[in-house]
């Protein structure tokens, strides 16, 4: 089964057309897509009340991909508000309870930064992370090419399989060491994740200015690019029971449109979505 969605639910104006209050956007979103990536959890470990509201706002079949807190993946450069890594992981695990109790947790996404390269120390940290997460389904995404150089590509995939990681496959600009190739291969027979970051090579490496993140993900996939990936997703469907595909090219409002186009190309329809209020009249 292929599940299509986008990152976050607040910035997709083509879905809401400006008529939906912020507090109700997830309800409306779940009338279009069966999954969503929670990115708020990357910036702060979320209080239980947030996850409780989000699971209550969505239908029974809806699933969440929850992004790991930035302190867990080495992104945070400032002070981490926990006394130890163990305390940080425990707090994050606690924040997952509402998703787990309702059966709505698809996976936790560990996205590591471009400076997290392939070293013995980092491999040991990955192993420690996986142990701390216990039985929670976890996806692993790299941003440094050393994990896929030469023979390391197969070794990395074998490591993911042996340590029970889900492979997070990236479509992103090939812009030096701080980007990875799209290796279309599942590491788990249960689940695989594909994240579409766009192909804005100039924006990918731009770090100056306050809005560099917005520039990085400014890209709209054309029909040919989507058609190529539709075939890749079908291939992955033969490798894993569940294929999750998330569009992260949000900067220009393109993610939702691209996701809906991909659903059209794959000819997929999802049952159990929230009824769309705007479609009732």
Protein backbone atom coordinates (compact mmCIF):
# COMPACT_ATOMS: atom_id res chain seq x y z
CA UNK A 1 0.00 0.00 0.00
CA UNK A 2 1.26 3.47 -0.90
CA UNK A 3 0.37 6.35 1.42
CA UNK A 4 0.83 9.93 0.18
CA UNK A 5 1.02 13.08 2.31
CA UNK A 6 2.99 16.23 3.06
CA UNK A 7 5.07 17.79 5.82
CA UNK A 8 2.92 19.67 8.33
CA UNK A 9 -0.66 20.78 7.82
CA UNK A 10 -0.55 24.53 8.34
CA UNK A 11 0.89 25.99 5.14
CA UNK A 12 -1.06 24.39 2.31
CA UNK A 13 -3.31 27.18 1.09
CA UNK A 14 -4.44 25.26 -2.00
CA UNK A 15 -6.20 22.83 0.34
CA UNK A 16 -7.89 25.34 2.63
CA UNK A 17 -8.39 28.33 0.34
CA UNK A 18 -8.11 30.65 3.34
CA UNK A 19 -11.42 29.51 4.87
CA UNK A 20 -10.21 27.22 7.64
CA UNK A 21 -9.09 28.45 11.11
CA UNK A 22 -5.62 27.28 12.14
CA UNK A 23 -7.05 25.12 14.94
CA UNK A 24 -9.14 23.17 12.41
CA UNK A 25 -6.61 22.74 9.61
CA UNK A 26 -5.56 19.22 10.55
CA UNK A 27 -9.21 18.11 10.48
CA UNK A 28 -9.55 19.54 6.99
CA UNK A 29 -6.17 18.17 5.92
CA UNK A 30 -7.21 14.63 6.88
CA UNK A 31 -9.93 14.84 4.26
CA UNK A 32 -7.25 14.94 1.55
CA UNK A 33 -4.41 12.70 2.76
CA UNK A 34 -4.08 9.64 5.04
CA UNK A 35 -0.69 10.59 6.54
CA UNK A 36 1.24 13.65 7.68
CA UNK A 37 4.74 14.40 8.92
CA UNK A 38 4.82 16.21 12.27
CA UNK A 39 7.69 18.69 12.14
CA UNK A 40 6.83 20.62 15.33
CA UNK A 41 8.39 17.75 17.27
CA UNK A 42 11.76 18.56 15.69
CA UNK A 43 11.88 22.00 17.29
CA UNK A 44 10.61 20.97 20.73
CA UNK A 45 9.44 17.83 22.47
CA UNK A 46 5.70 18.33 22.29
CA UNK A 47 3.41 18.29 25.34
CA UNK A 48 0.96 15.41 25.50
CA UNK A 49 -2.00 17.73 25.03
CA UNK A 50 -0.84 18.57 21.49
CA UNK A 51 -0.61 14.96 20.35
CA UNK A 52 -3.90 14.21 22.12
CA UNK A 53 -5.63 16.93 20.10
CA UNK A 54 -4.01 15.84 16.83
CA UNK A 55 -5.03 12.21 17.16
CA UNK A 56 -8.57 13.25 18.15
CA UNK A 57 -8.81 15.54 15.10
CA UNK A 58 -8.10 12.72 12.65
CA UNK A 59 -9.95 9.56 11.57
CA UNK A 60 -9.06 6.10 12.85
CA UNK A 61 -7.07 5.16 9.75
CA UNK A 62 -4.88 8.29 9.82
CA UNK A 63 -1.16 7.91 10.54
CA UNK A 64 1.57 10.29 11.79
CA UNK A 65 5.27 10.35 10.94
CA UNK A 66 6.79 12.12 13.94
CA UNK A 67 10.13 13.82 13.42
CA UNK A 68 12.71 13.21 16.15
CA UNK A 69 13.62 16.18 18.34
CA UNK A 70 16.65 18.10 17.04
CA UNK A 71 18.70 17.40 20.15
CA UNK A 72 18.41 13.68 19.43
CA UNK A 73 19.94 14.07 15.97
CA UNK A 74 22.65 16.63 16.73
CA UNK A 75 21.08 19.62 14.99
CA UNK A 76 20.73 21.81 18.05
CA UNK A 77 23.69 24.10 18.54
CA UNK A 78 22.37 25.81 21.65
CA UNK A 79 21.65 24.42 25.08
CA UNK A 80 19.50 21.31 25.23
CA UNK A 81 16.82 21.59 27.95
CA UNK A 82 17.54 18.13 29.39
CA UNK A 83 20.09 16.93 31.90
CA UNK A 84 21.14 13.92 29.85
CA UNK A 85 20.54 12.15 26.57
CA UNK A 86 18.65 9.47 28.45
CA UNK A 87 16.30 12.07 29.91
CA UNK A 88 15.82 13.65 26.46
CA UNK A 89 14.92 10.34 24.84
CA UNK A 90 12.60 9.43 27.70
CA UNK A 91 10.74 12.72 27.33
CA UNK A 92 10.39 12.20 23.60
CA UNK A 93 9.14 8.65 24.09
CA UNK A 94 6.58 9.98 26.55
CA UNK A 95 5.33 12.46 23.93
CA UNK A 96 4.53 9.55 21.58
CA UNK A 97 2.02 7.90 23.91
CA UNK A 98 -1.16 9.38 22.33
CA UNK A 99 -0.08 8.23 18.87
CA UNK A 100 0.79 4.75 20.12
CA UNK A 101 -2.37 4.28 22.19
CA UNK A 102 -4.55 5.10 19.18
CA UNK A 103 -2.49 3.07 16.71
CA UNK A 104 -1.72 6.19 14.70
CA UNK A 105 2.08 6.23 14.89
CA UNK A 106 3.51 5.23 11.51
CA UNK A 107 7.11 5.87 12.54
CA UNK A 108 9.57 8.29 14.11
CA UNK A 109 11.91 9.96 11.62
CA UNK A 110 15.54 10.45 12.60
CA UNK A 111 16.93 12.95 10.09
CA UNK A 112 20.63 13.54 10.70
CA UNK A 113 22.46 16.73 9.63
CA UNK A 114 25.02 17.13 6.82
CA UNK A 115 27.91 16.98 9.31
CA UNK A 116 26.84 13.54 10.61
CA UNK A 117 29.18 11.49 8.42
CA UNK A 118 29.98 7.79 8.27
CA UNK A 119 32.28 7.15 11.23
CA UNK A 120 32.49 4.40 13.84
CA UNK A 121 31.44 6.86 16.53
CA UNK A 122 28.31 7.84 14.62
CA UNK A 123 27.43 4.24 13.85
CA UNK A 124 27.61 3.47 17.57
CA UNK A 125 25.36 6.45 18.30
CA UNK A 126 22.80 5.16 15.79
CA UNK A 127 22.86 1.80 17.54
CA UNK A 128 22.31 3.51 20.89
CA UNK A 129 19.40 5.56 19.47
CA UNK A 130 17.73 2.44 18.15
CA UNK A 131 18.04 0.72 21.51
CA UNK A 132 16.59 3.73 23.32
CA UNK A 133 13.54 3.75 21.02
CA UNK A 134 12.70 0.13 21.81
CA UNK A 135 9.91 -1.31 19.66
CA UNK A 136 8.94 2.02 18.07
CA UNK A 137 9.21 1.99 14.27
CA UNK A 138 12.04 4.36 13.34
CA UNK A 139 13.18 5.72 9.97
CA UNK A 140 16.74 6.81 9.27
CA UNK A 141 17.67 9.66 6.91
CA UNK A 142 21.18 10.87 6.17
CA UNK A 143 22.41 14.16 4.72
CA UNK A 144 26.07 13.24 4.17
CA UNK A 145 27.11 11.33 1.07
CA UNK A 146 29.75 9.24 2.87
CA UNK A 147 27.02 6.81 3.92
CA UNK A 148 26.49 5.92 0.26
CA UNK A 149 29.98 6.22 -1.26
CA UNK A 150 31.04 3.14 -3.22
CA UNK A 151 30.65 -0.08 -1.28
CA UNK A 152 29.28 1.83 1.70
CA UNK A 153 25.87 2.05 0.00
CA UNK A 154 25.18 -1.66 0.42
CA UNK A 155 26.81 -1.76 3.85
CA UNK A 156 24.63 1.12 5.03
CA UNK A 157 21.48 -0.59 3.79
CA UNK A 158 22.56 -3.86 5.41
CA UNK A 159 23.17 -2.00 8.67
CA UNK A 160 19.68 -0.48 8.53
CA UNK A 161 18.17 -3.93 8.02
CA UNK A 162 20.16 -5.56 10.81
CA UNK A 163 19.34 -2.77 13.28
CA UNK A 164 15.65 -2.61 12.29
CA UNK A 165 15.71 0.88 10.77
CA UNK A 166 13.29 2.00 8.06
CA UNK A 167 15.10 3.53 5.10
CA UNK A 168 14.12 7.16 4.49
CA UNK A 169 14.84 7.67 0.78
CA UNK A 170 15.44 11.25 -0.32
CA UNK A 171 14.77 13.03 -3.56
CA UNK A 172 16.91 16.14 -3.22
CA UNK A 173 19.48 18.20 -5.15
CA UNK A 174 22.79 16.48 -5.75
CA UNK A 175 24.80 19.35 -4.36
CA UNK A 176 27.98 18.07 -2.78
CA UNK A 177 28.68 16.11 0.39
CA UNK A 178 25.66 17.57 2.19
CA UNK A 179 23.18 15.66 0.05
CA UNK A 180 22.54 11.99 -0.63
CA UNK A 181 21.51 10.10 -3.76
CA UNK A 182 18.07 8.56 -4.12
CA UNK A 183 18.73 4.91 -3.35
CA UNK A 184 15.42 3.27 -4.20
CA UNK A 185 15.62 0.26 -1.94
CA UNK A 186 13.75 -0.68 1.21
CA UNK A 187 15.69 -1.83 4.26
CA UNK A 188 12.65 -3.24 6.04
CA UNK A 189 10.02 -5.59 4.60
CA UNK A 190 7.38 -3.75 6.62
CA UNK A 191 7.83 -0.05 5.82
CA UNK A 192 9.81 2.38 3.67
CA UNK A 193 9.71 6.19 3.60
CA UNK A 194 10.30 8.54 0.66
CA UNK A 195 10.70 12.28 1.26
CA UNK A 196 10.55 14.77 -1.59
CA UNK A 197 12.71 17.80 -0.77
CA UNK A 198 12.71 19.31 -4.27
CA UNK A 199 15.68 19.86 -6.56
CA UNK A 200 16.64 23.47 -5.89
CA UNK A 201 20.42 23.06 -5.99
CA UNK A 202 21.13 26.75 -5.41
CA UNK A 203 18.78 26.94 -2.44
CA UNK A 204 20.04 23.68 -0.94
CA UNK A 205 23.45 25.08 -0.15
CA UNK A 206 22.37 28.64 0.63
CA UNK A 207 22.81 29.37 4.35
CA UNK A 208 22.95 33.17 4.44
CA UNK A 209 19.92 35.20 5.44
CA UNK A 210 17.03 34.51 7.76
CA UNK A 211 14.89 32.76 5.14
CA UNK A 212 17.40 30.21 3.85
CA UNK A 213 15.13 27.31 4.82
CA UNK A 214 12.35 28.75 2.68
CA UNK A 215 14.68 29.05 -0.29
CA UNK A 216 15.98 25.51 0.17
CA UNK A 217 12.60 23.87 -0.37
CA UNK A 218 11.35 26.18 -3.11
CA UNK A 219 10.66 23.76 -5.93
CA UNK A 220 7.72 22.39 -7.92
CA UNK A 221 8.03 18.92 -9.43
CA UNK A 222 6.93 18.68 -13.04
CA UNK A 223 4.82 15.83 -14.40
CA UNK A 224 7.76 13.95 -15.87
CA UNK A 225 9.61 13.98 -12.53
CA UNK A 226 6.50 12.81 -10.70
CA UNK A 227 5.87 10.06 -13.27
CA UNK A 228 9.40 8.74 -12.76
CA UNK A 229 8.87 8.62 -9.03
CA UNK A 230 5.46 6.98 -9.43
CA UNK A 231 7.29 4.05 -11.01
CA UNK A 232 9.83 4.04 -8.17
CA UNK A 233 7.02 3.95 -5.60
CA UNK A 234 5.44 0.98 -7.36
CA UNK A 235 8.82 -0.76 -7.25
CA UNK A 236 9.10 -0.08 -3.52
CA UNK A 237 5.60 -1.47 -3.02
CA UNK A 238 7.04 -4.84 -4.06
CA UNK A 239 9.74 -4.52 -1.40
CA UNK A 240 7.76 -3.34 1.64
CA UNK A 241 4.18 -3.75 2.82
CA UNK A 242 3.72 -0.02 3.42
CA UNK A 243 5.26 2.80 1.36
CA UNK A 244 5.04 6.29 2.84
CA UNK A 245 5.71 9.22 0.50
CA UNK A 246 5.88 12.73 1.94
CA UNK A 247 6.32 15.97 0.00
CA UNK A 248 8.48 18.48 1.85
CA UNK A 249 8.70 21.14 -0.90
CA UNK A 250 6.47 23.51 1.06
CA UNK A 251 8.14 26.87 0.52
CA UNK A 252 6.14 27.91 -2.54
CA UNK A 253 2.96 26.05 -1.66
CA UNK A 254 3.80 23.23 -4.09
CA UNK A 255 3.81 20.21 -1.78
CA UNK A 256 0.06 19.60 -1.59
CA UNK A 257 -0.42 20.05 -5.34
CA UNK A 258 2.45 17.67 -6.10
CA UNK A 259 1.11 15.13 -3.59
CA UNK A 260 -2.36 15.22 -5.12
CA UNK A 261 -0.89 14.86 -8.60
CA UNK A 262 1.08 11.82 -7.44
CA UNK A 263 -2.12 10.27 -6.07
CA UNK A 264 -3.74 10.85 -9.45
CA UNK A 265 -0.82 9.26 -11.31
CA UNK A 266 -0.89 6.22 -9.04
CA UNK A 267 -4.68 6.07 -9.24
CA UNK A 268 -4.97 5.70 -5.48
CA UNK A 269 -8.01 6.58 -3.40
CA UNK A 270 -8.16 6.32 0.38
CA UNK A 271 -11.16 5.23 2.39
CA UNK A 272 -11.84 6.51 5.87
CA UNK A 273 -10.72 10.09 5.30
CA UNK A 274 -12.47 12.96 7.05
CA UNK A 275 -15.47 14.19 5.02
CA UNK A 276 -14.61 17.51 3.39
CA UNK A 277 -16.99 20.21 4.49
CA UNK A 278 -16.46 22.25 1.35
CA UNK A 279 -17.46 19.25 -0.79
CA UNK A 280 -20.87 18.86 0.84
CA UNK A 281 -22.49 21.68 -1.14
